[in-house]
């Protein structure tokens, strides 16, 4: 059960680089290069929303699902890869918990 790291180029006007860490205990950490932006969310707070050639990764507030804490604009391919990493992490964690 190891954390997975990826770097994605955001589809915003500044083409920033996001370093993303998927932690199998159910946490996603994001840091934006050259900025002090560090964000974190539990998997349950995340929502992928596709529109055209991009996908928004939205972190919803855990208390009020209508409130957005932060969001990132990713390419559809990057969003698919990240979604698969999250699913794999959830499966690994479930297997570990069953084995205990």
C-alpha atoms as a PDB file:
ATOM      1  CA  UNK A   1       0.000   0.000   0.000  1.00  0.00           C
ATOM      2  CA  UNK A   2       2.018   2.891  -1.340  1.00  0.00           C
ATOM      3  CA  UNK A   3       1.055   6.422  -2.288  1.00  0.00           C
ATOM      4  CA  UNK A   4       1.037   7.179  -6.016  1.00  0.00           C
ATOM      5  CA  UNK A   5       2.477  10.426  -7.360  1.00  0.00           C
ATOM      6  CA  UNK A   6       1.612  12.132 -10.642  1.00  0.00           C
ATOM      7  CA  UNK A   7       2.250  15.510 -12.217  1.00  0.00           C
ATOM      8  CA  UNK A   8      -0.435  16.976 -14.444  1.00  0.00           C
ATOM      9  CA  UNK A   9      -0.575  20.204 -16.436  1.00  0.00           C
ATOM     10  CA  UNK A  10      -3.686  22.156 -15.533  1.00  0.00           C
ATOM     11  CA  UNK A  11      -5.867  23.518 -18.311  1.00  0.00           C
ATOM     12  CA  UNK A  12      -6.171  26.967 -16.822  1.00  0.00           C
ATOM     13  CA  UNK A  13      -4.886  30.184 -18.380  1.00  0.00           C
ATOM     14  CA  UNK A  14      -1.471  29.813 -16.686  1.00  0.00           C
ATOM     15  CA  UNK A  15      -0.842  26.118 -17.586  1.00  0.00           C
ATOM     16  CA  UNK A  16       0.350  25.427 -14.051  1.00  0.00           C
ATOM     17  CA  UNK A  17       1.752  22.066 -12.984  1.00  0.00           C
ATOM     18  CA  UNK A  18      -0.049  20.153 -10.252  1.00  0.00           C
ATOM     19  CA  UNK A  19       1.759  17.512  -8.214  1.00  0.00           C
ATOM     20  CA  UNK A  20      -0.839  15.044  -7.023  1.00  0.00           C
ATOM     21  CA  UNK A  21      -0.395  12.356  -4.399  1.00  0.00           C
ATOM     22  CA  UNK A  22      -3.011   9.607  -4.053  1.00  0.00           C
ATOM     23  CA  UNK A  23      -2.829   8.058  -0.589  1.00  0.00           C
ATOM     24  CA  UNK A  24      -4.589   4.687  -0.193  1.00  0.00           C
ATOM     25  CA  UNK A  25      -6.049   5.669   3.182  1.00  0.00           C
ATOM     26  CA  UNK A  26      -8.486   7.842   1.223  1.00  0.00           C
ATOM     27  CA  UNK A  27      -6.682  11.165   0.859  1.00  0.00           C
ATOM     28  CA  UNK A  28      -5.679  13.190  -2.188  1.00  0.00           C
ATOM     29  CA  UNK A  29      -3.001  15.852  -1.788  1.00  0.00           C
ATOM     30  CA  UNK A  30      -2.370  18.515  -4.425  1.00  0.00           C
ATOM     31  CA  UNK A  31       0.404  21.070  -4.594  1.00  0.00           C
ATOM     32  CA  UNK A  32       0.787  23.603  -7.376  1.00  0.00           C
ATOM     33  CA  UNK A  33       4.369  24.164  -8.534  1.00  0.00           C
ATOM     34  CA  UNK A  34       5.793  27.670  -8.100  1.00  0.00           C
ATOM     35  CA  UNK A  35       2.937  28.555  -5.753  1.00  0.00           C
ATOM     36  CA  UNK A  36       2.188  27.894  -2.125  1.00  0.00           C
ATOM     37  CA  UNK A  37      -1.151  26.305  -2.985  1.00  0.00           C
ATOM     38  CA  UNK A  38      -1.483  23.021  -1.128  1.00  0.00           C
ATOM     39  CA  UNK A  39      -4.839  21.343  -1.101  1.00  0.00           C
ATOM     40  CA  UNK A  40      -6.128  18.151   0.423  1.00  0.00           C
ATOM     41  CA  UNK A  41      -9.357  16.172   0.214  1.00  0.00           C
ATOM     42  CA  UNK A  42     -10.814  12.865   1.169  1.00  0.00           C
ATOM     43  CA  UNK A  43     -11.850  10.692  -1.757  1.00  0.00           C
ATOM     44  CA  UNK A  44     -15.516  11.038  -0.736  1.00  0.00           C
ATOM     45  CA  UNK A  45     -15.312  14.806  -1.273  1.00  0.00           C
ATOM     46  CA  UNK A  46     -14.145  14.506  -4.902  1.00  0.00           C
ATOM     47  CA  UNK A  47     -16.262  14.775  -8.009  1.00  0.00           C
ATOM     48  CA  UNK A  48     -15.182  14.541 -11.654  1.00  0.00           C
ATOM     49  CA  UNK A  49     -17.227  16.664 -14.066  1.00  0.00           C
ATOM     50  CA  UNK A  50     -16.494  16.423 -17.807  1.00  0.00           C
ATOM     51  CA  UNK A  51     -17.266  19.193 -20.268  1.00  0.00           C
ATOM     52  CA  UNK A  52     -15.887  18.890 -23.775  1.00  0.00           C
ATOM     53  CA  UNK A  53     -12.128  18.370 -23.822  1.00  0.00           C
ATOM     54  CA  UNK A  54     -11.579  18.987 -20.123  1.00  0.00           C
ATOM     55  CA  UNK A  55     -12.645  17.529 -16.816  1.00  0.00           C
ATOM     56  CA  UNK A  56     -12.993  19.449 -13.582  1.00  0.00           C
ATOM     57  CA  UNK A  57     -11.876  17.758 -10.405  1.00  0.00           C
ATOM     58  CA  UNK A  58     -14.038  19.351  -7.734  1.00  0.00           C
ATOM     59  CA  UNK A  59     -13.494  19.093  -3.998  1.00  0.00           C
ATOM     60  CA  UNK A  60     -16.810  19.600  -2.260  1.00  0.00           C
ATOM     61  CA  UNK A  61     -17.165  20.773   1.317  1.00  0.00           C
ATOM     62  CA  UNK A  62     -17.722  17.772   3.586  1.00  0.00           C
ATOM     63  CA  UNK A  63     -20.533  19.536   5.462  1.00  0.00           C
ATOM     64  CA  UNK A  64     -22.392  21.134   2.560  1.00  0.00           C
ATOM     65  CA  UNK A  65     -21.986  19.309  -0.756  1.00  0.00           C
ATOM     66  CA  UNK A  66     -23.095  22.449  -2.603  1.00  0.00           C
ATOM     67  CA  UNK A  67     -20.014  24.378  -1.458  1.00  0.00           C
ATOM     68  CA  UNK A  68     -16.766  23.947  -3.392  1.00  0.00           C
ATOM     69  CA  UNK A  69     -13.456  24.025  -1.518  1.00  0.00           C
ATOM     70  CA  UNK A  70     -11.291  23.946  -4.663  1.00  0.00           C
ATOM     71  CA  UNK A  71     -11.238  22.628  -8.206  1.00  0.00           C
ATOM     72  CA  UNK A  72      -8.720  21.790 -10.923  1.00  0.00           C
ATOM     73  CA  UNK A  73      -9.170  21.686 -14.693  1.00  0.00           C
ATOM     74  CA  UNK A  74      -7.544  18.554 -16.147  1.00  0.00           C
ATOM     75  CA  UNK A  75      -7.440  17.005 -19.580  1.00  0.00           C
ATOM     76  CA  UNK A  76      -9.882  14.124 -19.958  1.00  0.00           C
ATOM     77  CA  UNK A  77      -7.001  11.631 -20.212  1.00  0.00           C
ATOM     78  CA  UNK A  78      -5.344  12.939 -17.029  1.00  0.00           C
ATOM     79  CA  UNK A  79      -8.674  12.862 -15.194  1.00  0.00           C
ATOM     80  CA  UNK A  80      -9.229   9.237 -16.274  1.00  0.00           C
ATOM     81  CA  UNK A  81      -5.770   8.289 -15.029  1.00  0.00           C
ATOM     82  CA  UNK A  82      -6.356  10.034 -11.708  1.00  0.00           C
ATOM     83  CA  UNK A  83      -9.770   8.418 -11.333  1.00  0.00           C
ATOM     84  CA  UNK A  84      -8.211   4.990 -11.917  1.00  0.00           C
ATOM     85  CA  UNK A  85      -5.503   5.693  -9.342  1.00  0.00           C
ATOM     86  CA  UNK A  86      -8.160   6.619  -6.786  1.00  0.00           C
ATOM     87  CA  UNK A  87     -10.142   3.450  -7.541  1.00  0.00           C
ATOM     88  CA  UNK A  88      -6.996   1.311  -7.187  1.00  0.00           C
ATOM     89  CA  UNK A  89      -6.145   2.989  -3.894  1.00  0.00           C
ATOM     90  CA  UNK A  90      -9.649   2.317  -2.566  1.00  0.00           C
ATOM     91  CA  UNK A  91      -9.418  -1.339  -3.603  1.00  0.00           C
ATOM     92  CA  UNK A  92      -5.987  -1.747  -1.991  1.00  0.00           C
ATOM     93  CA  UNK A  93      -7.262  -0.225   1.239  1.00  0.00           C
ATOM     94  CA  UNK A  94     -10.344  -2.496   1.271  1.00  0.00           C
ATOM     95  CA  UNK A  95      -8.159  -5.566   0.745  1.00  0.00           C
ATOM     96  CA  UNK A  96      -5.847  -4.498   3.562  1.00  0.00           C
ATOM     97  CA  UNK A  97      -8.749  -3.916   5.948  1.00  0.00           C
ATOM     98  CA  UNK A  98     -10.259  -7.324   5.099  1.00  0.00           C
ATOM     99  CA  UNK A  99      -6.937  -9.044   5.753  1.00  0.00           C
ATOM    100  CA  UNK A 100      -6.661  -7.486   9.188  1.00  0.00           C
END
